[in-house]
C-alpha cells in the first residue's frame, strides 16, 4: 500500500484560522470529520497532516490549502530509481 500523501502544515496558521472563525477544536473537528485529538496534533505540528484531511479542514474553514501549508504542494513524487540512475551516470 502506498504511503498517504501529506502536507507540511503551518499549525499556527491552522489554529489562527480556527480561532478567527470562533471555532473550538471540537467544532472544527466535527465540521471536517476528523478527531479532535488529530486536529490538535496538526495544530501543534506533532503529526503529519494527510492531504485529504487538509482539504477537509480548508473547506470547513473556507480557506485555500496554501494558507496552511509551509511548502507548495508537489503534483508528483520524483521517481527515486530514475534519480539514482541519473546521478550514477
Protein backbone atom coordinates (compact mmCIF):
# COMPACT_ATOMS: atom_id res chain seq x y z
CA UNK A 1 0.00 0.00 0.00
CA UNK A 2 1.49 3.41 -0.97
CA UNK A 3 2.12 5.97 1.78
CA UNK A 4 -0.59 8.54 2.47
CA UNK A 5 0.28 11.89 0.85
CA UNK A 6 0.80 14.60 3.45
CA UNK A 7 1.40 18.34 3.51
CA UNK A 8 3.87 20.18 5.71
CA UNK A 9 1.32 22.20 7.63
CA UNK A 10 1.67 25.51 9.38
CA UNK A 11 0.00 24.60 12.65
CA UNK A 12 -0.01 28.18 13.90
CA UNK A 13 -1.89 29.32 10.79
CA UNK A 14 -4.35 26.45 11.09
CA UNK A 15 -5.08 27.35 14.72
CA UNK A 16 -5.33 31.06 13.90
CA UNK A 17 -7.92 30.49 11.17
CA UNK A 18 -9.90 28.26 13.53
CA UNK A 19 -9.85 30.87 16.28
CA UNK A 20 -10.67 33.75 13.91
CA UNK A 21 -13.77 31.82 12.87
CA UNK A 22 -14.72 31.39 16.53
CA UNK A 23 -14.48 27.60 16.40
CA UNK A 24 -13.31 25.29 19.14
CA UNK A 25 -11.15 22.29 18.32
CA UNK A 26 -14.23 20.10 18.74
CA UNK A 27 -16.32 22.32 16.42
CA UNK A 28 -13.80 22.29 13.58
CA UNK A 29 -13.07 18.60 14.04
CA UNK A 30 -16.77 17.82 13.67
CA UNK A 31 -17.17 20.05 10.59
CA UNK A 32 -14.13 18.47 8.92
CA UNK A 33 -14.95 14.91 10.06
CA UNK A 34 -11.64 14.42 11.88
CA UNK A 35 -10.91 13.60 15.51
CA UNK A 36 -10.28 16.49 17.91
CA UNK A 37 -7.03 14.87 19.06
CA UNK A 38 -5.76 14.62 15.47
CA UNK A 39 -6.64 18.28 14.85
CA UNK A 40 -4.78 19.31 18.00
CA UNK A 41 -1.72 17.32 16.91
CA UNK A 42 -1.79 19.01 13.49
CA UNK A 43 -2.06 22.45 15.10
CA UNK A 44 0.92 21.62 17.31
CA UNK A 45 2.73 20.10 14.30
CA UNK A 46 3.22 16.85 16.22
CA UNK A 47 1.84 14.73 13.37
CA UNK A 48 1.92 14.91 9.58
CA UNK A 49 -1.30 16.24 8.06
CA UNK A 50 -2.72 13.96 5.33
CA UNK A 51 -3.58 15.94 2.20
CA UNK A 52 -7.17 14.67 2.17
CA UNK A 53 -7.70 15.86 5.76
CA UNK A 54 -6.05 19.21 4.97
CA UNK A 55 -8.56 19.67 2.16
CA UNK A 56 -11.46 18.89 4.53
CA UNK A 57 -10.17 21.38 7.09
CA UNK A 58 -9.81 24.06 4.43
CA UNK A 59 -13.37 23.52 3.20
CA UNK A 60 -14.65 23.77 6.78
CA UNK A 61 -12.63 26.98 7.30
CA UNK A 62 -13.43 28.43 3.84
CA UNK A 63 -9.74 28.93 3.04
CA UNK A 64 -7.34 27.76 0.35
CA UNK A 65 -4.93 24.99 1.23
CA UNK A 66 -1.98 27.30 0.51
CA UNK A 67 -2.99 29.26 3.63
CA UNK A 68 -1.99 26.39 5.94
CA UNK A 69 0.98 24.74 4.20
CA UNK A 70 4.64 25.66 4.61
CA UNK A 71 5.69 24.43 1.17
CA UNK A 72 3.97 24.38 -2.22
CA UNK A 73 2.16 21.14 -2.92
CA UNK A 74 4.00 18.82 -5.27
CA UNK A 75 1.92 17.33 -8.04
CA UNK A 76 4.12 14.25 -8.38
CA UNK A 77 6.78 12.50 -6.38
CA UNK A 78 10.12 12.02 -8.15
CA UNK A 79 10.95 8.50 -9.21
CA UNK A 80 13.78 7.58 -6.82
CA UNK A 81 15.16 4.86 -9.12
CA UNK A 82 15.34 7.28 -12.04
CA UNK A 83 17.09 9.88 -9.86
CA UNK A 84 19.68 7.34 -8.72
CA UNK A 85 20.32 6.24 -12.33
CA UNK A 86 20.88 9.86 -13.40
CA UNK A 87 23.28 10.60 -10.56
CA UNK A 88 25.20 7.36 -11.13
CA UNK A 89 25.81 8.20 -14.80
